[in-house]
């Protein structure tokens, strides 16, 4: 029987990128929902092998009813012990579901482009368990970050935004960066949202392209190893 992953995206033109490619290549079916444009979320999650919430331009603090519905879905995912992965906005929703705070940088900085991250002790344990090192630089596109809710473990840190990845238990993860982004997606983002490059801390479009050639191989290797672990829930990390 084919296992199904619930996918939540936030714009009509959103794609699942390399995460979706990997899952489909490894035999998973994707049930893609977009509550922001009216697609309802399933009330019963029992049939899903995992839940992934992707990024989007909105905030986890927005008062739109669908934002609350998504956070409730995250809570139900955790309660049912179903593997969860939150990417960017999805990580911030995981933080909110666990009682943490999501906020903009106090000095208005953003991370748009490639930035360095450093694994913590827990991050090194994860890397050893999955057999792949963390990439030294990862691709970002966000202006808000999250704190660490009680009972979670930080896996990677950064400079402007100190919390880059965290886990709760051994099957729920939030990552601030975008390992799913393909070259085509990056080109589209840097073209259609070039106005964002004027924000403090943002990289230029040329830096985005240069960063791809420098860092994408390591990002892709890490992503494949991490997803292999995530869908099998095979490593136990104590909090």
Foldseek 3Di string as FASTA:
>chain_A
DAAEEEEEEADPPDDQFPVVVLQVVVRHHYDYAHVNVPGDDDPDPVRHQEYEYEDDPDACPDPPPVSVVVLVVLLVCVVVVRFYEYEARGLVSNQVNLPWDKDFQPVQAWEAAKFAKAFDPLLVVVCVVLVAHAFRIFGADDGMEIDDHPQKAATMQGDSHGGAKIAHWQRYIYGNGDLRDDPVNLVVCCVVVVVVCPTHPYDHSVRRVVCCVVTNVSSVVVVSSVVVCNSVSPDTDGD
